[in-house]
């Protein structure tokens, strides 16, 4: 007696379909989306939020300043500068830069020792971590 080929294929197809059904119903681990922590990606996030929260919102602490991003850095340190509106080519009042992967942030300049220094530090750290929005 010969085995029937069609029955064997039918059984294999049934087992494969059953296996797919079981695996599709299985509980999956939650998917986590991890933000890119490179220096460039971090500074892009910081720049977008700084522009929205400090400048476009007409924040009085930043009223006399403008944002000057320098994200295309050949030194591997993308940065944003906060410069005086009346003298945009002068010395920056604030420099925020990142380096490495994961990014190590630095913020320095006269604004850091002023009344807004603590707030700048908090905002930059929050935005670098991926949190959006103004406080």
C-alpha atoms as a PDB file:
ATOM      1  CA  UNK A   1       0.000   0.000   0.000  1.00  0.00           C
ATOM      2  CA  UNK A   2       1.303   3.371  -1.006  1.00  0.00           C
ATOM      3  CA  UNK A   3       1.134   6.419   1.244  1.00  0.00           C
ATOM      4  CA  UNK A   4      -1.013   9.140  -0.166  1.00  0.00           C
ATOM      5  CA  UNK A   5       0.997  12.235  -0.971  1.00  0.00           C
ATOM      6  CA  UNK A   6      -1.972  14.610  -0.866  1.00  0.00           C
ATOM      7  CA  UNK A   7      -2.896  13.509   2.667  1.00  0.00           C
ATOM      8  CA  UNK A   8       0.686  13.992   3.865  1.00  0.00           C
ATOM      9  CA  UNK A   9       0.829  17.511   2.423  1.00  0.00           C
ATOM     10  CA  UNK A  10      -2.570  18.298   3.889  1.00  0.00           C
ATOM     11  CA  UNK A  11      -1.395  17.202   7.349  1.00  0.00           C
ATOM     12  CA  UNK A  12       1.807  19.255   7.067  1.00  0.00           C
ATOM     13  CA  UNK A  13      -0.166  22.325   5.996  1.00  0.00           C
ATOM     14  CA  UNK A  14      -2.579  21.851   8.889  1.00  0.00           C
ATOM     15  CA  UNK A  15       0.282  21.609  11.382  1.00  0.00           C
ATOM     16  CA  UNK A  16       1.951  24.714   9.950  1.00  0.00           C
ATOM     17  CA  UNK A  17      -1.299  26.689  10.111  1.00  0.00           C
ATOM     18  CA  UNK A  18      -1.894  25.528  13.675  1.00  0.00           C
ATOM     19  CA  UNK A  19       1.648  26.593  14.617  1.00  0.00           C
ATOM     20  CA  UNK A  20       1.097  30.042  13.129  1.00  0.00           C
ATOM     21  CA  UNK A  21      -2.188  30.383  14.966  1.00  0.00           C
ATOM     22  CA  UNK A  22      -0.627  29.486  18.303  1.00  0.00           C
ATOM     23  CA  UNK A  23       2.324  31.843  17.870  1.00  0.00           C
ATOM     24  CA  UNK A  24       0.126  34.719  16.734  1.00  0.00           C
ATOM     25  CA  UNK A  25      -1.959  34.443  19.898  1.00  0.00           C
ATOM     26  CA  UNK A  26       1.030  34.309  22.226  1.00  0.00           C
ATOM     27  CA  UNK A  27       1.684  37.247  24.499  1.00  0.00           C
ATOM     28  CA  UNK A  28       4.454  39.429  23.186  1.00  0.00           C
ATOM     29  CA  UNK A  29       6.838  41.539  25.181  1.00  0.00           C
ATOM     30  CA  UNK A  30       6.012  45.231  24.956  1.00  0.00           C
ATOM     31  CA  UNK A  31       7.884  47.052  22.252  1.00  0.00           C
ATOM     32  CA  UNK A  32       9.944  49.952  23.490  1.00  0.00           C
ATOM     33  CA  UNK A  33      10.967  52.770  21.234  1.00  0.00           C
ATOM     34  CA  UNK A  34      14.383  54.030  22.156  1.00  0.00           C
ATOM     35  CA  UNK A  35      15.380  57.507  21.092  1.00  0.00           C
ATOM     36  CA  UNK A  36      18.632  57.882  19.221  1.00  0.00           C
ATOM     37  CA  UNK A  37      21.199  59.101  21.757  1.00  0.00           C
ATOM     38  CA  UNK A  38      23.859  60.279  19.313  1.00  0.00           C
ATOM     39  CA  UNK A  39      25.176  63.819  19.688  1.00  0.00           C
ATOM     40  CA  UNK A  40      23.476  65.035  16.502  1.00  0.00           C
ATOM     41  CA  UNK A  41      20.063  63.527  17.306  1.00  0.00           C
ATOM     42  CA  UNK A  42      20.214  64.835  20.860  1.00  0.00           C
ATOM     43  CA  UNK A  43      21.069  68.354  19.731  1.00  0.00           C
ATOM     44  CA  UNK A  44      18.321  68.269  17.097  1.00  0.00           C
ATOM     45  CA  UNK A  45      15.785  67.471  19.845  1.00  0.00           C
ATOM     46  CA  UNK A  46      17.190  70.197  22.094  1.00  0.00           C
ATOM     47  CA  UNK A  47      17.197  72.749  19.262  1.00  0.00           C
ATOM     48  CA  UNK A  48      13.582  72.099  18.256  1.00  0.00           C
ATOM     49  CA  UNK A  49      12.361  72.383  21.845  1.00  0.00           C
ATOM     50  CA  UNK A  50      14.530  75.413  22.650  1.00  0.00           C
ATOM     51  CA  UNK A  51      13.203  77.200  19.586  1.00  0.00           C
ATOM     52  CA  UNK A  52       9.599  76.439  20.528  1.00  0.00           C
ATOM     53  CA  UNK A  53       9.858  77.036  24.272  1.00  0.00           C
ATOM     54  CA  UNK A  54      12.355  79.861  24.534  1.00  0.00           C
ATOM     55  CA  UNK A  55      11.960  81.856  21.340  1.00  0.00           C
ATOM     56  CA  UNK A  56       8.643  81.204  19.569  1.00  0.00           C
ATOM     57  CA  UNK A  57       6.766  81.413  22.874  1.00  0.00           C
ATOM     58  CA  UNK A  58       8.155  84.949  23.418  1.00  0.00           C
ATOM     59  CA  UNK A  59       9.707  83.963  26.737  1.00  0.00           C
ATOM     60  CA  UNK A  60      10.861  87.221  28.401  1.00  0.00           C
ATOM     61  CA  UNK A  61      14.152  85.634  29.547  1.00  0.00           C
ATOM     62  CA  UNK A  62      15.113  85.119  25.888  1.00  0.00           C
ATOM     63  CA  UNK A  63      13.472  88.211  24.341  1.00  0.00           C
ATOM     64  CA  UNK A  64      16.764  89.927  23.497  1.00  0.00           C
ATOM     65  CA  UNK A  65      18.315  86.813  21.969  1.00  0.00           C
ATOM     66  CA  UNK A  66      18.054  84.606  18.914  1.00  0.00           C
ATOM     67  CA  UNK A  67      18.905  80.975  18.265  1.00  0.00           C
ATOM     68  CA  UNK A  68      21.864  80.115  16.037  1.00  0.00           C
ATOM     69  CA  UNK A  69      22.095  76.346  15.478  1.00  0.00           C
ATOM     70  CA  UNK A  70      25.372  74.820  14.325  1.00  0.00           C
ATOM     71  CA  UNK A  71      24.334  71.195  13.971  1.00  0.00           C
ATOM     72  CA  UNK A  72      26.512  70.353  10.947  1.00  0.00           C
ATOM     73  CA  UNK A  73      29.714  70.244  12.912  1.00  0.00           C
ATOM     74  CA  UNK A  74      32.821  68.673  11.434  1.00  0.00           C
ATOM     75  CA  UNK A  75      34.344  68.412  14.908  1.00  0.00           C
ATOM     76  CA  UNK A  76      31.694  65.939  16.075  1.00  0.00           C
ATOM     77  CA  UNK A  77      30.235  68.493  18.479  1.00  0.00           C
ATOM     78  CA  UNK A  78      26.923  69.790  17.160  1.00  0.00           C
ATOM     79  CA  UNK A  79      25.811  72.839  19.101  1.00  0.00           C
ATOM     80  CA  UNK A  80      23.299  75.606  19.418  1.00  0.00           C
ATOM     81  CA  UNK A  81      24.208  79.174  20.239  1.00  0.00           C
ATOM     82  CA  UNK A  82      22.047  81.811  21.851  1.00  0.00           C
ATOM     83  CA  UNK A  83      23.236  85.185  20.568  1.00  0.00           C
ATOM     84  CA  UNK A  84      22.246  88.813  21.088  1.00  0.00           C
ATOM     85  CA  UNK A  85      19.631  89.898  18.520  1.00  0.00           C
ATOM     86  CA  UNK A  86      21.366  93.239  17.997  1.00  0.00           C
ATOM     87  CA  UNK A  87      24.831  91.684  17.582  1.00  0.00           C
ATOM     88  CA  UNK A  88      24.325  88.160  16.171  1.00  0.00           C
ATOM     89  CA  UNK A  89      27.975  87.865  15.109  1.00  0.00           C
ATOM     90  CA  UNK A  90      29.279  88.705  18.581  1.00  0.00           C
ATOM     91  CA  UNK A  91      30.110  86.280  21.351  1.00  0.00           C
ATOM     92  CA  UNK A  92      27.307  83.852  22.196  1.00  0.00           C
ATOM     93  CA  UNK A  93      25.569  84.269  25.539  1.00  0.00           C
ATOM     94  CA  UNK A  94      24.885  80.533  25.725  1.00  0.00           C
ATOM     95  CA  UNK A  95      26.444  77.504  24.060  1.00  0.00           C
ATOM     96  CA  UNK A  96      24.873  74.056  24.347  1.00  0.00           C
ATOM     97  CA  UNK A  97      26.839  71.261  22.698  1.00  0.00           C
ATOM     98  CA  UNK A  98      26.938  67.481  22.675  1.00  0.00           C
ATOM     99  CA  UNK A  99      29.615  64.948  21.880  1.00  0.00           C
ATOM    100  CA  UNK A 100      29.725  61.163  21.569  1.00  0.00           C
ATOM    101  CA  UNK A 101      27.192  58.348  21.598  1.00  0.00           C
ATOM    102  CA  UNK A 102      25.480  58.403  24.014  1.00  0.00           C
ATOM    103  CA  UNK A 103      25.734  62.163  23.908  1.00  0.00           C
ATOM    104  CA  UNK A 104      27.502  64.028  26.676  1.00  0.00           C
ATOM    105  CA  UNK A 105      26.039  67.524  26.985  1.00  0.00           C
ATOM    106  CA  UNK A 106      27.745  70.740  27.980  1.00  0.00           C
ATOM    107  CA  UNK A 107      26.176  74.151  28.467  1.00  0.00           C
ATOM    108  CA  UNK A 108      28.251  77.237  29.138  1.00  0.00           C
ATOM    109  CA  UNK A 109      28.316  80.984  28.687  1.00  0.00           C
ATOM    110  CA  UNK A 110      27.221  84.069  30.609  1.00  0.00           C
ATOM    111  CA  UNK A 111      23.551  83.013  30.709  1.00  0.00           C
ATOM    112  CA  UNK A 112      24.457  79.925  32.752  1.00  0.00           C
ATOM    113  CA  UNK A 113      25.629  82.085  35.656  1.00  0.00           C
ATOM    114  CA  UNK A 114      22.587  84.350  35.416  1.00  0.00           C
ATOM    115  CA  UNK A 115      19.055  84.017  36.749  1.00  0.00           C
ATOM    116  CA  UNK A 116      18.052  81.587  33.969  1.00  0.00           C
ATOM    117  CA  UNK A 117      20.989  79.184  34.464  1.00  0.00           C
ATOM    118  CA  UNK A 118      19.114  76.606  36.544  1.00  0.00           C
ATOM    119  CA  UNK A 119      16.134  76.669  34.229  1.00  0.00           C
ATOM    120  CA  UNK A 120      18.342  76.280  31.151  1.00  0.00           C
ATOM    121  CA  UNK A 121      20.039  73.257  32.717  1.00  0.00           C
ATOM    122  CA  UNK A 122      16.694  71.646  33.572  1.00  0.00           C
ATOM    123  CA  UNK A 123      15.183  72.342  30.153  1.00  0.00           C
ATOM    124  CA  UNK A 124      18.205  71.051  28.222  1.00  0.00           C
ATOM    125  CA  UNK A 125      18.476  67.866  30.315  1.00  0.00           C
ATOM    126  CA  UNK A 126      14.748  67.174  29.930  1.00  0.00           C
ATOM    127  CA  UNK A 127      14.777  67.721  26.170  1.00  0.00           C
ATOM    128  CA  UNK A 128      17.954  65.682  25.709  1.00  0.00           C
ATOM    129  CA  UNK A 129      16.273  62.768  27.500  1.00  0.00           C
ATOM    130  CA  UNK A 130      13.443  62.882  24.956  1.00  0.00           C
ATOM    131  CA  UNK A 131      10.778  64.745  26.920  1.00  0.00           C
ATOM    132  CA  UNK A 132       8.935  67.289  24.832  1.00  0.00           C
ATOM    133  CA  UNK A 133       7.189  70.426  25.911  1.00  0.00           C
ATOM    134  CA  UNK A 134       7.851  73.580  27.861  1.00  0.00           C
ATOM    135  CA  UNK A 135       7.664  74.198  31.578  1.00  0.00           C
END
